[in-house]
Protein backbone atom coordinates (compact mmCIF):
# COMPACT_ATOMS: atom_id res chain seq x y z
CA MET A 1 79.92 49.77 -88.45
CA LYS A 2 78.42 52.71 -90.27
CA THR A 3 76.19 50.27 -92.31
CA LYS A 4 74.84 48.78 -89.14
CA LEU A 5 74.10 52.11 -87.72
CA LEU A 6 72.26 53.33 -90.85
CA THR A 7 70.26 50.10 -90.86
CA LEU A 8 69.30 50.75 -87.25
CA ILE A 9 68.21 54.22 -88.01
CA ILE A 10 66.16 53.21 -90.99
CA ALA A 11 64.55 50.43 -88.99
CA THR A 12 63.91 52.81 -86.12
CA CYS A 13 62.21 55.44 -88.46
CA ALA A 14 60.17 52.72 -90.19
CA LEU A 15 58.89 51.61 -86.69
CA ILE A 16 58.09 55.09 -85.73
CA SER A 17 56.45 55.77 -89.17
CA CYS A 18 54.33 52.41 -88.64
CA ASN A 19 53.10 53.52 -85.09
CA LYS A 20 52.03 56.87 -86.61
CA SER A 21 50.65 55.49 -89.93
CA THR A 22 47.30 56.75 -91.27
CA PHE A 23 44.65 55.44 -93.66
CA ASN A 24 42.13 57.13 -95.97
CA VAL A 25 38.38 57.07 -95.68
CA ASN A 26 37.13 58.12 -99.14
CA VAL A 27 33.43 58.97 -99.27
CA GLU A 28 31.66 59.35 -102.62
CA LEU A 29 27.92 59.93 -102.24
CA GLN A 30 25.06 61.33 -104.47
CA ASN A 31 22.69 63.78 -102.88
CA ALA A 32 25.01 64.92 -100.32
CA GLU A 33 26.54 67.92 -102.05
CA GLY A 34 27.33 70.82 -99.64
CA LYS A 35 26.44 68.80 -96.55
CA THR A 36 28.73 68.45 -93.60
CA ILE A 37 30.11 64.82 -93.32
CA TYR A 38 31.17 63.67 -89.94
CA LEU A 39 33.71 60.91 -89.30
CA LYS A 40 33.10 59.24 -85.89
CA LYS A 41 34.39 56.24 -83.91
CA MET A 42 32.99 54.12 -81.18
CA PHE A 43 34.44 54.86 -77.66
CA ASN A 44 32.67 53.84 -74.47
CA ASN A 45 29.42 52.82 -76.23
CA GLU A 46 28.94 56.01 -78.31
CA PHE A 47 30.34 57.35 -81.52
CA ILE A 48 32.54 60.46 -80.90
CA THR A 49 33.46 62.87 -83.74
CA LEU A 50 36.89 62.63 -85.09
CA ASP A 51 36.70 64.96 -87.94
CA SER A 52 34.31 66.63 -90.44
CA ALA A 53 34.21 67.95 -93.90
CA ILE A 54 31.90 69.54 -96.52
CA MET A 55 31.04 67.37 -99.37
CA GLN A 56 32.22 68.90 -102.67
CA ASN A 57 31.77 67.23 -106.10
CA ASN A 58 30.19 64.32 -104.36
CA MET A 59 33.37 63.52 -102.65
CA VAL A 60 35.20 63.85 -99.40
CA ASN A 61 38.37 62.16 -98.11
CA PHE A 62 39.41 61.80 -94.45
CA VAL A 63 43.01 61.01 -93.31
CA VAL A 64 42.82 58.89 -90.10
CA GLU A 65 45.53 58.05 -87.61
CA ALA A 66 45.92 54.29 -87.17
CA ASN A 67 44.08 52.92 -84.14
CA ASN A 68 43.10 49.70 -82.53
CA PRO A 69 42.35 47.42 -85.53
CA SER A 70 38.99 46.60 -84.15
CA THR A 71 37.92 50.13 -83.80
CA HIS A 72 34.37 50.75 -85.18
CA TYR A 73 33.86 53.90 -87.37
CA GLN A 74 30.86 55.73 -88.58
CA ILE A 75 30.10 58.23 -91.33
CA SER A 76 27.27 60.51 -90.40
CA ILE A 77 25.25 62.96 -92.45
CA LYS A 78 22.31 65.06 -91.29
CA ASP A 79 18.95 63.62 -92.38
CA SER A 80 20.60 60.32 -93.64
CA ASN A 81 21.18 56.96 -92.12
CA PRO A 82 24.73 56.54 -90.57
CA ILE A 83 27.20 54.23 -92.41
CA ARG A 84 29.29 52.10 -90.10
CA PHE A 85 32.43 50.14 -90.87
CA PHE A 86 35.66 48.46 -89.73
CA SER A 87 38.83 49.48 -91.41
CA GLU A 88 41.49 47.59 -89.55
CA ASN A 89 43.68 50.54 -90.43
CA ASN A 90 43.41 50.00 -94.21
CA ASP A 91 41.85 52.51 -96.69
CA VAL A 92 38.25 52.56 -96.89
CA LYS A 93 35.99 53.37 -99.91
CA ILE A 94 32.30 54.26 -99.37
CA THR A 95 29.91 54.90 -102.16
CA GLY A 96 26.15 55.19 -102.62
CA ASP A 97 23.11 57.72 -102.48
CA ALA A 98 22.81 59.48 -99.21
CA LYS A 99 18.87 59.29 -99.59
CA ASN A 100 18.89 55.43 -100.20
CA ARG A 101 20.34 53.29 -97.24
CA ASP A 102 20.33 50.21 -99.41
CA SER A 103 22.64 51.88 -101.98
CA PHE A 104 25.60 52.14 -99.40
CA ASN A 105 28.63 50.16 -100.37
CA VAL A 106 31.66 49.83 -98.14
CA THR A 107 34.96 48.50 -99.48
CA ALA A 108 37.32 47.94 -96.73
CA SER A 109 38.96 45.29 -94.47
CA TYR A 110 38.39 41.55 -94.08
CA ALA A 111 36.29 42.26 -91.00
CA GLN A 112 34.12 44.71 -93.00
CA GLN A 113 33.87 42.06 -95.76
CA LEU A 114 32.43 39.69 -92.99
CA VAL A 115 29.97 42.34 -91.94
CA ASN A 116 28.82 42.97 -95.60
CA GLU A 117 28.21 39.20 -95.93
CA TYR A 118 26.17 39.07 -92.81
CA ASN A 119 24.05 42.28 -93.76
CA VAL A 120 23.32 40.69 -97.24
CA GLU A 121 21.70 37.64 -95.62
CA TYR A 122 20.09 39.74 -92.86
CA LYS A 123 18.39 42.03 -95.49
CA LYS A 124 16.90 38.99 -97.15
CA TYR A 125 15.28 37.86 -93.94
CA ASN A 126 14.23 41.30 -93.18
CA GLN A 127 12.58 41.65 -96.50
CA GLN A 128 10.68 38.50 -95.82
CA ARG A 129 9.46 39.88 -92.62
CA ARG A 130 8.25 43.11 -94.19
CA GLU A 131 6.25 41.16 -96.91
CA LEU A 132 4.68 39.10 -94.09
CA GLY A 133 3.97 42.24 -92.16
CA GLU A 134 1.94 43.67 -95.12
CA LYS A 135 -0.02 40.52 -95.39
CA TYR A 136 -0.64 40.35 -91.71
CA ARG A 137 -2.05 43.94 -91.79
CA THR A 138 -4.47 43.00 -94.60
CA ALA A 139 -5.56 39.84 -92.78
CA ALA A 140 -6.09 41.75 -89.67
CA GLN A 141 -8.21 44.41 -91.33
CA ASN A 142 -10.32 41.58 -92.77
CA ASN A 143 -10.50 39.72 -89.56
CA ASP A 144 -9.17 36.56 -91.44
CA GLU A 145 -8.13 34.51 -88.46
CA ALA A 146 -7.04 31.61 -90.41
CA THR A 147 -4.59 33.65 -92.55
CA ILE A 148 -3.50 35.49 -89.44
CA LYS A 149 -2.52 32.20 -87.68
CA LYS A 150 -0.80 30.92 -90.77
CA LEU A 151 1.27 34.27 -91.18
CA GLU A 152 2.30 34.04 -87.44
CA ALA A 153 3.65 30.51 -88.00
CA GLU A 154 5.56 31.75 -91.00
CA PHE A 155 6.88 34.72 -89.09
CA ASP A 156 8.11 32.42 -86.22
CA LYS A 157 9.86 30.34 -88.94
CA ILE A 158 11.66 33.37 -90.23
CA GLU A 159 12.85 34.41 -86.80
CA LYS A 160 14.17 31.01 -86.23
CA ASN A 161 15.97 31.00 -89.60
CA ILE A 162 17.50 34.43 -88.64
CA ASN A 163 18.55 33.18 -85.29
CA ASN A 164 20.11 29.95 -86.80
CA TYR A 165 21.98 31.97 -89.34
CA GLN A 166 23.37 34.39 -86.65
CA LYS A 167 24.48 31.41 -84.56
CA LEU A 168 26.23 29.79 -87.58
CA PHE A 169 27.96 33.05 -88.48
CA LEU A 170 29.20 33.59 -84.83
CA THR A 171 30.38 30.04 -84.58
CA LYS A 172 32.29 30.29 -87.95
CA ASN A 173 33.79 33.57 -87.11
CA TYR A 174 34.64 32.97 -83.46
CA ASN A 175 38.21 34.14 -83.78
CA ASN A 176 37.35 37.65 -85.41
CA PHE A 177 36.32 40.72 -83.53
CA VAL A 178 33.32 41.05 -85.76
CA ALA A 179 31.80 38.16 -83.79
CA PRO A 180 31.30 40.24 -80.51
CA TYR A 181 29.88 43.21 -82.65
CA ILE A 182 27.16 40.90 -84.16
CA LEU A 183 26.52 39.22 -80.88
CA TYR A 184 26.00 42.49 -78.90
CA THR A 185 23.85 44.17 -81.49
CA ASN A 186 21.64 41.09 -81.36
CA ARG A 187 22.00 40.38 -77.65
CA TYR A 188 18.25 40.68 -77.04
CA ASN A 189 17.76 37.41 -79.00
CA TYR A 190 19.78 35.31 -76.59
CA GLU A 191 19.35 34.05 -72.97
CA LEU A 192 22.12 34.67 -70.50
CA ASN A 193 23.54 31.08 -70.82
CA GLU A 194 23.74 31.46 -74.60
CA LEU A 195 25.62 34.82 -74.41
CA GLU A 196 28.01 33.26 -71.89
CA ASP A 197 28.65 30.19 -74.19
CA PHE A 198 29.46 32.32 -77.16
CA VAL A 199 31.85 34.67 -75.28
CA ASN A 200 33.56 31.76 -73.56
CA ASN A 201 34.20 30.25 -77.22
CA PHE A 202 35.39 33.54 -78.80
CA ASN A 203 39.24 33.38 -79.48
CA ILE A 204 40.00 36.95 -80.27
CA LYS A 205 43.59 38.41 -79.90
CA GLU A 206 42.56 42.03 -79.50
CA GLU A 207 39.72 43.09 -77.17
CA SER A 208 37.23 45.31 -78.99
CA GLU A 209 34.76 47.82 -77.63
CA TYR A 210 32.04 45.26 -78.34
CA SER A 211 33.91 42.66 -76.33
CA LYS A 212 33.88 45.14 -73.38
CA LEU A 213 30.17 45.92 -73.88
CA LEU A 214 29.35 42.29 -73.95
CA ASP A 215 31.10 41.56 -70.68
CA GLU A 216 29.41 44.51 -68.99
CA TYR A 217 26.01 43.32 -70.23
CA ILE A 218 26.58 39.73 -69.14
CA ALA A 219 27.62 41.02 -65.74
CA VAL A 220 24.40 42.93 -65.47
CA LEU A 221 22.36 40.00 -66.50
CA GLN A 222 24.11 37.71 -63.85
CA ARG A 223 23.38 40.30 -61.19
CA VAL A 224 19.59 40.16 -62.04
CA ASP A 225 19.29 36.61 -63.00
CA ILE A 226 16.49 34.35 -61.69
CA GLY A 227 17.29 33.35 -57.96
CA GLN A 228 19.17 36.84 -57.31
CA PRO A 229 17.79 39.63 -55.16
CA TYR A 230 16.10 42.51 -56.93
CA VAL A 231 18.08 45.68 -57.68
CA ASP A 232 16.35 48.84 -56.32
CA PHE A 233 16.00 52.08 -58.20
CA THR A 234 13.97 55.36 -57.90
CA GLN A 235 11.96 57.15 -60.45
CA GLU A 236 9.16 59.73 -60.73
CA THR A 237 5.37 58.96 -60.94
CA PRO A 238 3.10 60.96 -63.29
CA GLU A 239 2.05 62.97 -60.16
CA GLY A 240 5.70 64.08 -59.36
CA TYR A 241 6.38 61.69 -56.52
CA MET A 242 9.63 59.76 -56.33
CA MET A 243 8.90 56.05 -55.86
CA SER A 244 11.45 53.31 -55.34
CA ILE A 245 10.93 49.62 -56.06
CA SER A 246 11.81 48.88 -52.41
CA GLU A 247 8.55 50.61 -51.29
CA LEU A 248 6.53 47.92 -52.84
CA VAL A 249 8.71 44.78 -52.36
CA GLY A 250 7.19 42.46 -49.55
CA LYS A 251 3.89 44.25 -49.55
CA SER A 252 2.42 41.85 -51.90
CA LYS A 253 3.15 38.17 -52.61
CA LEU A 254 4.24 39.00 -56.20
CA LEU A 255 5.54 42.14 -57.75
CA LEU A 256 5.98 42.63 -61.58
CA ILE A 257 8.40 45.21 -62.67
CA ASP A 258 7.03 45.83 -66.26
CA PHE A 259 9.25 47.72 -68.70
CA TRP A 260 7.39 49.25 -71.68
CA ALA A 261 6.86 52.50 -73.58
CA SER A 262 3.90 54.34 -75.26
CA TRP A 263 5.72 54.27 -78.58
CA CYS A 264 6.29 50.49 -78.33
CA GLY A 265 3.62 48.62 -80.47
CA PRO A 266 4.28 45.11 -78.99
CA CYS A 267 4.12 46.75 -75.46
CA ARG A 268 0.72 48.37 -76.17
CA ALA A 269 -0.60 45.04 -77.72
CA GLU A 270 0.51 43.18 -74.54
CA ASN A 271 -0.96 45.56 -72.04
CA PRO A 272 -4.57 44.25 -72.26
CA ASN A 273 -3.21 40.91 -71.18
CA VAL A 274 -1.33 42.42 -68.36
CA VAL A 275 -4.40 44.49 -67.26
CA GLU A 276 -6.55 41.34 -67.25
CA VAL A 277 -4.21 39.42 -65.10
CA TYR A 278 -3.78 42.34 -62.64
CA LYS A 279 -7.56 42.62 -62.19
CA GLU A 280 -8.00 39.00 -61.67
CA TYR A 281 -5.11 38.45 -59.12
CA HIS A 282 -4.47 41.84 -57.42
CA GLU A 283 -6.66 41.06 -54.55
CA LYS A 284 -4.88 37.68 -54.12
CA GLY A 285 -1.41 39.46 -53.81
CA PHE A 286 -0.27 40.46 -57.31
CA ASP A 287 1.07 43.93 -57.95
CA ILE A 288 2.79 45.75 -60.75
CA ILE A 289 4.96 48.71 -61.23
CA GLY A 290 5.35 49.96 -64.74
CA VAL A 291 8.73 51.54 -65.83
CA SER A 292 8.36 53.44 -69.16
CA LEU A 293 11.13 54.18 -71.46
CA ASP A 294 9.30 57.27 -72.71
CA MET A 295 10.77 60.63 -73.53
CA GLU A 296 7.65 62.72 -73.52
CA LYS A 297 5.59 62.88 -70.29
CA VAL A 298 2.38 63.67 -72.12
CA ASN A 299 2.60 60.61 -74.36
CA TRP A 300 3.36 58.53 -71.32
CA ILE A 301 0.44 59.77 -69.35
CA LYS A 302 -1.96 59.40 -72.22
CA ALA A 303 -0.88 55.80 -72.92
CA ILE A 304 -1.38 55.00 -69.19
CA GLU A 305 -5.05 56.39 -69.33
CA ASN A 306 -5.84 54.96 -72.70
CA ASP A 307 -4.56 51.42 -71.83
CA GLY A 308 -6.05 51.47 -68.23
CA LEU A 309 -2.69 50.85 -66.54
CA ILE A 310 -4.10 51.24 -63.00
CA TRP A 311 -1.12 50.13 -61.25
CA HIS A 312 2.07 52.11 -60.11
CA ASN A 313 3.80 53.85 -62.88
CA ILE A 314 7.19 55.65 -62.92
CA SER A 315 9.80 56.87 -65.39
CA ASP A 316 12.85 59.14 -65.83
CA LEU A 317 11.89 59.99 -69.32
CA LYS A 318 15.32 59.01 -70.65
CA TYR A 319 14.29 56.62 -73.37
CA TRP A 320 16.91 53.79 -73.73
CA ASN A 321 19.03 55.39 -71.09
CA ASN A 322 16.38 54.71 -68.41
CA GLU A 323 18.35 53.95 -65.35
CA GLY A 324 16.29 51.26 -64.18
CA ALA A 325 16.30 49.52 -67.60
CA LYS A 326 20.02 49.75 -67.64
CA LEU A 327 20.24 48.17 -64.09
CA TYR A 328 18.13 45.10 -65.35
CA GLY A 329 19.99 44.78 -68.66
CA ILE A 330 16.84 45.64 -70.70
CA SER A 331 17.71 45.81 -74.45
CA SER A 332 14.26 45.19 -75.80
CA ILE A 333 10.69 45.88 -74.67
CA PRO A 334 8.29 44.62 -73.53
CA SER A 335 10.26 43.07 -70.80
CA ASN A 336 9.47 42.31 -67.29
CA VAL A 337 10.82 40.83 -63.95
CA LEU A 338 8.74 38.86 -61.35
CA ILE A 339 9.72 39.25 -57.72
CA ASP A 340 8.33 37.24 -54.74
CA GLN A 341 7.59 38.53 -51.27
CA ASN A 342 11.17 38.01 -50.18
CA GLY A 343 12.59 40.29 -53.01
CA ILE A 344 14.01 37.26 -54.97
CA ILE A 345 13.63 37.36 -58.82
CA ILE A 346 11.78 34.23 -59.73
CA ALA A 347 10.92 34.74 -63.50
CA LYS A 348 11.56 37.05 -66.37
CA ASN A 349 9.83 38.08 -69.63
CA LEU A 350 6.54 36.44 -68.98
CA ARG A 351 3.95 37.29 -71.72
CA GLY A 352 0.50 36.15 -72.69
CA GLU A 353 -0.56 33.01 -71.04
CA ASP A 354 2.85 32.44 -69.54
CA LEU A 355 2.25 35.46 -67.25
CA ARG A 356 -1.10 34.31 -66.18
CA ASN A 357 0.10 30.74 -65.56
CA LYS A 358 2.99 31.71 -63.37
CA VAL A 359 0.92 34.03 -61.27
CA GLU A 360 -1.83 31.50 -60.83
CA GLU A 361 0.69 28.82 -59.95
CA ILE A 362 1.92 30.89 -57.02
CA LEU A 363 -1.16 32.45 -55.84
CA LYS A 364 -3.75 29.67 -56.30
């Protein structure tokens, strides 16, 4: 009887110990001596600080209480890129040079191994894009239209290869919580139906923060999908007037909500096309309200003037936390939403000739 009781006590203690177990995050970095190292974890779509320590002899160690195995962690150092990882409650080893992002090496769980594998391939594609970018700038400076056209085709091919690799990775790892993480961080590459298909095929035992974020993001996109009524919001004009989308809906045959920012290169490159379409079709019933994801009012107003954005302009100057952008699930810019006279969303993300053709089709 005593033996059985002792066994039960030991088993109970072992269970308690397991529930309160810890793991180590050992960080060894060059060029970080004397700096404060922060250990953070993802919670409600932001990284919150768990602990901090001063780097001494190029080393610091954190003892972390076990958490949901899918918890995403981050090592943060001032003036250096953050290092993110999954531990699955196993010990983690991080090495590298704080001044060189490419030198970071994270040895951890199986989930992190998958992330490392993905990052290696992604870096290869990213390097190809950088090299093409340099060639493109040179060709643009020389007004070499033939080379520019060739490079654009090569760039499109790389983008297609990246997208194919991501899809293969997600399909191969549909039962690991790394899949929702990769899908969420690349969500802007996929249409709503593609996101829904991936999420429906995931077979993950434990829900992660990124699974929740994906569900929330998809719900937003469904609410503002083509065929749905527009969602109203109010922000400030450069003159200080609080303007709502609802003030403009129905006053023209078409209203384009155009999400952009002064710091966004592709947005500024697209602006001349939007201006041209506006000037040609405004009198026929086409209107625009620009929603800027700027932070600095001066930069926002200067860009409006320089680019000749002579339509309605609003912003809350909250950068990616722009309330209107969040309501419409905007995760990349330029983005836009086309609304008809009845307040129904009839098209999204029209650029170049696609914008002109759609407006002309309706207003001809």
